[in-house]
Amino acid sequence: MSPTSRGEIKQAFSDGNFVILHVHKTTSPTDRGVAIIDIFRLEHGKIVEHWDVTQEIPEKTTSGNGMF
């Protein structure tokens, strides 16, 4: 891991025993980064399952809307 790597939680949701995070991760200050959705399932306060989806942030989107 790079010392300039950063992850910023943009949104967090919880529903029952699920927690969902929308994260912006970069490896340097000039990196556009990636958008990540992390989904955690908890039991008795511990993570028992984890899923994630990662997408590179494009320079431009077709819709003109940003990722965050």
PDB file of N, CA and C in Angstrom:
ATOM      1  N   MET A   1       0.844  -1.178   0.000  1.00  0.00           N
ATOM      2  CA  MET A   1       0.000   0.000   0.000  1.00  0.00           C
ATOM      3  C   MET A   1       0.889   1.241   0.000  1.00  0.00           C
ATOM      4  N   SER A   2       0.500   2.222  -0.755  1.00  0.00           N
ATOM      5  CA  SER A   2       1.238   3.467  -0.883  1.00  0.00           C
ATOM      6  C   SER A   2       0.954   4.397   0.301  1.00  0.00           C
ATOM      7  N   PRO A   3       1.962   5.141   0.766  1.00  0.00           N
ATOM      8  CA  PRO A   3       1.700   6.079   1.870  1.00  0.00           C
ATOM      9  C   PRO A   3       0.771   7.227   1.468  1.00  0.00           C
ATOM     10  N   THR A   4       0.580   7.452   0.165  1.00  0.00           N
ATOM     11  CA  THR A   4      -0.334   8.503  -0.288  1.00  0.00           C
ATOM     12  C   THR A   4      -1.720   7.961  -0.616  1.00  0.00           C
ATOM     13  N   SER A   5      -1.929   6.660  -0.443  1.00  0.00           N
ATOM     14  CA  SER A   5      -3.226   6.046  -0.706  1.00  0.00           C
ATOM     15  C   SER A   5      -4.253   6.523   0.320  1.00  0.00           C
ATOM     16  N   ARG A   6      -5.451   6.857  -0.170  1.00  0.00           N
ATOM     17  CA  ARG A   6      -6.514   7.355   0.697  1.00  0.00           C
ATOM     18  C   ARG A   6      -7.841   6.713   0.330  1.00  0.00           C
ATOM     19  N   GLY A   7      -8.661   6.488   1.322  1.00  0.00           N
ATOM     20  CA  GLY A   7     -10.026   6.042   1.119  1.00  0.00           C
ATOM     21  C   GLY A   7     -10.959   6.960   1.875  1.00  0.00           C
ATOM     22  N   GLU A   8     -11.946   7.517   1.183  1.00  0.00           N
ATOM     23  CA  GLU A   8     -12.899   8.425   1.824  1.00  0.00           C
ATOM     24  C   GLU A   8     -14.301   7.843   1.696  1.00  0.00           C
ATOM     25  N   ILE A   9     -14.938   7.602   2.820  1.00  0.00           N
ATOM     26  CA  ILE A   9     -16.313   7.101   2.815  1.00  0.00           C
ATOM     27  C   ILE A   9     -17.222   8.267   2.458  1.00  0.00           C
ATOM     28  N   LYS A  10     -17.906   8.138   1.328  1.00  0.00           N
ATOM     29  CA  LYS A  10     -18.803   9.189   0.856  1.00  0.00           C
ATOM     30  C   LYS A  10     -20.212   9.019   1.416  1.00  0.00           C
ATOM     31  N   GLN A  11     -20.654   7.765   1.554  1.00  0.00           N
ATOM     32  CA  GLN A  11     -21.974   7.469   2.105  1.00  0.00           C
ATOM     33  C   GLN A  11     -21.898   6.159   2.861  1.00  0.00           C
ATOM     34  N   ALA A  12     -22.711   6.034   3.900  1.00  0.00           N
ATOM     35  CA  ALA A  12     -22.808   4.786   4.660  1.00  0.00           C
ATOM     36  C   ALA A  12     -24.281   4.510   4.936  1.00  0.00           C
ATOM     37  N   PHE A  13     -24.666   3.258   4.764  1.00  0.00           N
ATOM     38  CA  PHE A  13     -26.045   2.846   4.980  1.00  0.00           C
ATOM     39  C   PHE A  13     -26.043   1.594   5.850  1.00  0.00           C
ATOM     40  N   SER A  14     -27.083   1.430   6.644  1.00  0.00           N
ATOM     41  CA  SER A  14     -27.249   0.166   7.369  1.00  0.00           C
ATOM     42  C   SER A  14     -28.713  -0.244   7.289  1.00  0.00           C
ATOM     43  N   ASP A  15     -28.919  -1.548   7.229  1.00  0.00           N
ATOM     44  CA  ASP A  15     -30.260  -2.106   7.176  1.00  0.00           C
ATOM     45  C   ASP A  15     -30.194  -3.470   7.839  1.00  0.00           C
ATOM     46  N   GLY A  16     -30.762  -3.575   9.016  1.00  0.00           N
ATOM     47  CA  GLY A  16     -30.696  -4.837   9.743  1.00  0.00           C
ATOM     48  C   GLY A  16     -29.260  -5.210  10.029  1.00  0.00           C
ATOM     49  N   ASN A  17     -28.837  -6.368   9.558  1.00  0.00           N
ATOM     50  CA  ASN A  17     -27.465  -6.815   9.809  1.00  0.00           C
ATOM     51  C   ASN A  17     -26.532  -6.552   8.621  1.00  0.00           C
ATOM     52  N   PHE A  18     -26.914  -5.597   7.747  1.00  0.00           N
ATOM     53  CA  PHE A  18     -26.075  -5.229   6.611  1.00  0.00           C
ATOM     54  C   PHE A  18     -25.587  -3.790   6.749  1.00  0.00           C
ATOM     55  N   VAL A  19     -24.338  -3.565   6.354  1.00  0.00           N
ATOM     56  CA  VAL A  19     -23.763  -2.219   6.275  1.00  0.00           C
ATOM     57  C   VAL A  19     -23.202  -2.060   4.870  1.00  0.00           C
ATOM     58  N   ILE A  20     -23.501  -0.922   4.230  1.00  0.00           N
ATOM     59  CA  ILE A  20     -23.051  -0.651   2.871  1.00  0.00           C
ATOM     60  C   ILE A  20     -22.275   0.663   2.879  1.00  0.00           C
ATOM     61  N   LEU A  21     -21.084   0.641   2.293  1.00  0.00           N
ATOM     62  CA  LEU A  21     -20.252   1.838   2.212  1.00  0.00           C
ATOM     63  C   LEU A  21     -19.997   2.198   0.753  1.00  0.00           C
ATOM     64  N   HIS A  22     -20.083   3.486   0.438  1.00  0.00           N
ATOM     65  CA  HIS A  22     -19.737   4.022  -0.881  1.00  0.00           C
ATOM     66  C   HIS A  22     -18.431   4.781  -0.665  1.00  0.00           C
ATOM     67  N   VAL A  23     -17.345   4.295  -1.262  1.00  0.00           N
ATOM     68  CA  VAL A  23     -16.002   4.776  -0.941  1.00  0.00           C
ATOM     69  C   VAL A  23     -15.310   5.316  -2.190  1.00  0.00           C
ATOM     70  N   HIS A  24     -14.554   6.397  -2.016  1.00  0.00           N
ATOM     71  CA  HIS A  24     -13.684   6.925  -3.067  1.00  0.00           C
ATOM     72  C   HIS A  24     -12.252   6.643  -2.637  1.00  0.00           C
ATOM     73  N   LYS A  25     -11.537   5.819  -3.409  1.00  0.00           N
ATOM     74  CA  LYS A  25     -10.164   5.449  -3.075  1.00  0.00           C
ATOM     75  C   LYS A  25      -9.219   6.011  -4.129  1.00  0.00           C
ATOM     76  N   THR A  26      -8.133   6.629  -3.674  1.00  0.00           N
ATOM     77  CA  THR A  26      -7.094   7.138  -4.568  1.00  0.00           C
ATOM     78  C   THR A  26      -5.737   6.639  -4.077  1.00  0.00           C
ATOM     79  N   THR A  27      -4.779   6.570  -5.005  1.00  0.00           N
ATOM     80  CA  THR A  27      -3.428   6.140  -4.627  1.00  0.00           C
ATOM     81  C   THR A  27      -2.448   7.296  -4.556  1.00  0.00           C
ATOM     82  N   SER A  28      -2.863   8.469  -5.084  1.00  0.00           N
ATOM     83  CA  SER A  28      -2.024   9.667  -5.012  1.00  0.00           C
ATOM     84  C   SER A  28      -2.933  10.883  -5.159  1.00  0.00           C
ATOM     85  N   PRO A  29      -2.439  12.071  -4.813  1.00  0.00           N
ATOM     86  CA  PRO A  29      -3.277  13.269  -4.928  1.00  0.00           C
ATOM     87  C   PRO A  29      -3.745  13.575  -6.354  1.00  0.00           C
ATOM     88  N   THR A  30      -3.037  13.092  -7.382  1.00  0.00           N
ATOM     89  CA  THR A  30      -3.430  13.370  -8.770  1.00  0.00           C
ATOM     90  C   THR A  30      -4.251  12.239  -9.400  1.00  0.00           C
ATOM     91  N   ASP A  31      -4.459  11.152  -8.678  1.00  0.00           N
ATOM     92  CA  ASP A  31      -5.204   9.990  -9.165  1.00  0.00           C
ATOM     93  C   ASP A  31      -6.706  10.256  -9.087  1.00  0.00           C
ATOM     94  N   ARG A  32      -7.463   9.992 -10.196  1.00  0.00           N
ATOM     95  CA  ARG A  32      -8.928  10.108 -10.160  1.00  0.00           C
ATOM     96  C   ARG A  32      -9.511   9.070  -9.215  1.00  0.00           C
ATOM     97  N   GLY A  33      -8.874   7.911  -9.178  1.00  0.00           N
ATOM     98  CA  GLY A  33      -9.270   6.886  -8.224  1.00  0.00           C
ATOM     99  C   GLY A  33     -10.321   5.924  -8.727  1.00  0.00           C
ATOM    100  N   VAL A  34     -10.893   5.216  -7.768  1.00  0.00           N
ATOM    101  CA  VAL A  34     -11.930   4.230  -8.032  1.00  0.00           C
ATOM    102  C   VAL A  34     -13.089   4.461  -7.081  1.00  0.00           C
ATOM    103  N   ALA A  35     -14.281   4.079  -7.543  1.00  0.00           N
ATOM    104  CA  ALA A  35     -15.474   4.079  -6.699  1.00  0.00           C
ATOM    105  C   ALA A  35     -15.677   2.642  -6.232  1.00  0.00           C
ATOM    106  N   ILE A  36     -15.929   2.475  -4.954  1.00  0.00           N
ATOM    107  CA  ILE A  36     -16.087   1.145  -4.376  1.00  0.00           C
ATOM    108  C   ILE A  36     -17.401   1.089  -3.605  1.00  0.00           C
ATOM    109  N   ILE A  37     -18.127  -0.004  -3.780  1.00  0.00           N
ATOM    110  CA  ILE A  37     -19.262  -0.324  -2.922  1.00  0.00           C
ATOM    111  C   ILE A  37     -18.852  -1.542  -2.116  1.00  0.00           C
ATOM    112  N   ASP A  38     -18.827  -1.399  -0.801  1.00  0.00           N
ATOM    113  CA  ASP A  38     -18.531  -2.509   0.116  1.00  0.00           C
ATOM    114  C   ASP A  38     -19.825  -2.882   0.830  1.00  0.00           C
ATOM    115  N   ILE A  39     -20.130  -4.158   0.846  1.00  0.00           N
ATOM    116  CA  ILE A  39     -21.317  -4.653   1.548  1.00  0.00           C
ATOM    117  C   ILE A  39     -20.846  -5.657   2.596  1.00  0.00           C
ATOM    118  N   PHE A  40     -21.247  -5.418   3.839  1.00  0.00           N
ATOM    119  CA  PHE A  40     -20.862  -6.293   4.951  1.00  0.00           C
ATOM    120  C   PHE A  40     -22.120  -6.865   5.585  1.00  0.00           C
ATOM    121  N   ARG A  41     -22.063  -8.155   5.926  1.00  0.00           N
ATOM    122  CA  ARG A  41     -23.127  -8.768   6.727  1.00  0.00           C
ATOM    123  C   ARG A  41     -22.529  -9.092   8.085  1.00  0.00           C
ATOM    124  N   LEU A  42     -23.231  -8.668   9.133  1.00  0.00           N
ATOM    125  CA  LEU A  42     -22.722  -8.859  10.492  1.00  0.00           C
ATOM    126  C   LEU A  42     -23.580  -9.847  11.276  1.00  0.00           C
ATOM    127  N   GLU A  43     -22.936 -10.557  12.175  1.00  0.00           N
ATOM    128  CA  GLU A  43     -23.612 -11.405  13.154  1.00  0.00           C
ATOM    129  C   GLU A  43     -22.925 -11.183  14.484  1.00  0.00           C
ATOM    130  N   HIS A  44     -23.699 -10.874  15.497  1.00  0.00           N
ATOM    131  CA  HIS A  44     -23.170 -10.666  16.852  1.00  0.00           C
ATOM    132  C   HIS A  44     -22.040  -9.634  16.857  1.00  0.00           C
ATOM    133  N   GLY A  45     -22.191  -8.584  16.054  1.00  0.00           N
ATOM    134  CA  GLY A  45     -21.223  -7.496  16.020  1.00  0.00           C
ATOM    135  C   GLY A  45     -19.945  -7.788  15.255  1.00  0.00           C
ATOM    136  N   LYS A  46     -19.904  -8.907  14.523  1.00  0.00           N
ATOM    137  CA  LYS A  46     -18.710  -9.261  13.755  1.00  0.00           C
ATOM    138  C   LYS A  46     -19.061  -9.442  12.282  1.00  0.00           C
ATOM    139  N   ILE A  47     -18.118  -9.082  11.404  1.00  0.00           N
ATOM    140  CA  ILE A  47     -18.320  -9.261   9.971  1.00  0.00           C
ATOM    141  C   ILE A  47     -18.220 -10.750   9.648  1.00  0.00           C
ATOM    142  N   VAL A  48     -19.271 -11.285   9.028  1.00  0.00           N
ATOM    143  CA  VAL A  48     -19.254 -12.701   8.652  1.00  0.00           C
ATOM    144  C   VAL A  48     -19.246 -12.892   7.131  1.00  0.00           C
ATOM    145  N   GLU A  49     -19.626 -11.834   6.395  1.00  0.00           N
ATOM    146  CA  GLU A  49     -19.543 -11.886   4.932  1.00  0.00           C
ATOM    147  C   GLU A  49     -19.193 -10.499   4.412  1.00  0.00           C
ATOM    148  N   HIS A  50     -18.501 -10.465   3.255  1.00  0.00           N
ATOM    149  CA  HIS A  50     -18.127  -9.201   2.633  1.00  0.00           C
ATOM    150  C   HIS A  50     -18.165  -9.365   1.125  1.00  0.00           C
ATOM    151  N   TRP A  51     -18.771  -8.383   0.445  1.00  0.00           N
ATOM    152  CA  TRP A  51     -18.777  -8.326  -1.010  1.00  0.00           C
ATOM    153  C   TRP A  51     -18.355  -6.922  -1.402  1.00  0.00           C
ATOM    154  N   ASP A  52     -17.759  -6.782  -2.580  1.00  0.00           N
ATOM    155  CA  ASP A  52     -17.429  -5.441  -3.054  1.00  0.00           C
ATOM    156  C   ASP A  52     -17.462  -5.383  -4.570  1.00  0.00           C
ATOM    157  N   VAL A  53     -17.661  -4.172  -5.061  1.00  0.00           N
ATOM    158  CA  VAL A  53     -17.633  -3.870  -6.485  1.00  0.00           C
ATOM    159  C   VAL A  53     -16.780  -2.621  -6.639  1.00  0.00           C
ATOM    160  N   THR A  54     -15.844  -2.653  -7.589  1.00  0.00           N
ATOM    161  CA  THR A  54     -14.937  -1.526  -7.807  1.00  0.00           C
ATOM    162  C   THR A  54     -15.018  -1.090  -9.262  1.00  0.00           C
ATOM    163  N   GLN A  55     -15.052   0.225  -9.476  1.00  0.00           N
ATOM    164  CA  GLN A  55     -15.073   0.769 -10.832  1.00  0.00           C
ATOM    165  C   GLN A  55     -14.140   1.975 -10.892  1.00  0.00           C
ATOM    166  N   GLU A  56     -13.270   1.987 -11.911  1.00  0.00           N
ATOM    167  CA  GLU A  56     -12.408   3.145 -12.114  1.00  0.00           C
ATOM    168  C   GLU A  56     -13.267   4.357 -12.442  1.00  0.00           C
ATOM    169  N   ILE A  57     -12.858   5.516 -11.954  1.00  0.00           N
ATOM    170  CA  ILE A  57     -13.597   6.743 -12.221  1.00  0.00           C
ATOM    171  C   ILE A  57     -13.137   7.293 -13.572  1.00  0.00           C
ATOM    172  N   PRO A  58     -14.062   7.391 -14.524  1.00  0.00           N
ATOM    173  CA  PRO A  58     -13.674   7.879 -15.857  1.00  0.00           C
ATOM    174  C   PRO A  58     -13.456   9.390 -15.852  1.00  0.00           C
ATOM    175  N   GLU A  59     -12.733   9.852 -16.854  1.00  0.00           N
ATOM    176  CA  GLU A  59     -12.510  11.292 -16.997  1.00  0.00           C
ATOM    177  C   GLU A  59     -13.839  12.010 -17.230  1.00  0.00           C
ATOM    178  N   LYS A  60     -14.692  11.413 -18.101  1.00  0.00           N
ATOM    179  CA  LYS A  60     -16.029  11.948 -18.381  1.00  0.00           C
ATOM    180  C   LYS A  60     -17.008  10.788 -18.349  1.00  0.00           C
ATOM    181  N   THR A  61     -18.235  11.070 -17.917  1.00  0.00           N
ATOM    182  CA  THR A  61     -19.281  10.042 -17.961  1.00  0.00           C
ATOM    183  C   THR A  61     -20.248  10.374 -19.089  1.00  0.00           C
ATOM    184  N   THR A  62     -20.922   9.380 -19.587  1.00  0.00           N
ATOM    185  CA  THR A  62     -21.894   9.565 -20.653  1.00  0.00           C
ATOM    186  C   THR A  62     -23.024  10.493 -20.210  1.00  0.00           C
ATOM    187  N   SER A  63     -23.458  10.329 -18.957  1.00  0.00           N
ATOM    188  CA  SER A  63     -24.561  11.144 -18.448  1.00  0.00           C
ATOM    189  C   SER A  63     -24.147  12.538 -18.027  1.00  0.00           C
ATOM    190  N   GLY A  64     -22.830  12.734 -17.820  1.00  0.00           N
ATOM    191  CA  GLY A  64     -22.358  14.017 -17.325  1.00  0.00           C
ATOM    192  C   GLY A  64     -22.370  14.115 -15.803  1.00  0.00           C
ATOM    193  N   ASN A  65     -22.930  13.091 -15.152  1.00  0.00           N
ATOM    194  CA  ASN A  65     -22.971  13.060 -13.686  1.00  0.00           C
ATOM    195  C   ASN A  65     -21.706  12.415 -13.150  1.00  0.00           C
ATOM    196  N   GLY A  66     -21.263  12.847 -11.989  1.00  0.00           N
ATOM    197  CA  GLY A  66     -20.087  12.251 -11.350  1.00  0.00           C
ATOM    198  C   GLY A  66     -20.442  10.968 -10.623  1.00  0.00           C
ATOM    199  N   MET A  67     -19.422  10.305 -10.118  1.00  0.00           N
ATOM    200  CA  MET A  67     -19.625   9.045  -9.395  1.00  0.00           C
ATOM    201  C   MET A  67     -20.087   9.271  -7.954  1.00  0.00           C
ATOM    202  N   PHE A  68     -19.891  10.484  -7.450  1.00  0.00           N
ATOM    203  CA  PHE A  68     -20.227  10.745  -6.045  1.00  0.00           C
ATOM    204  C   PHE A  68     -21.151  11.928  -5.912  1.00  0.00           C
TER     205      PHE A  68
END
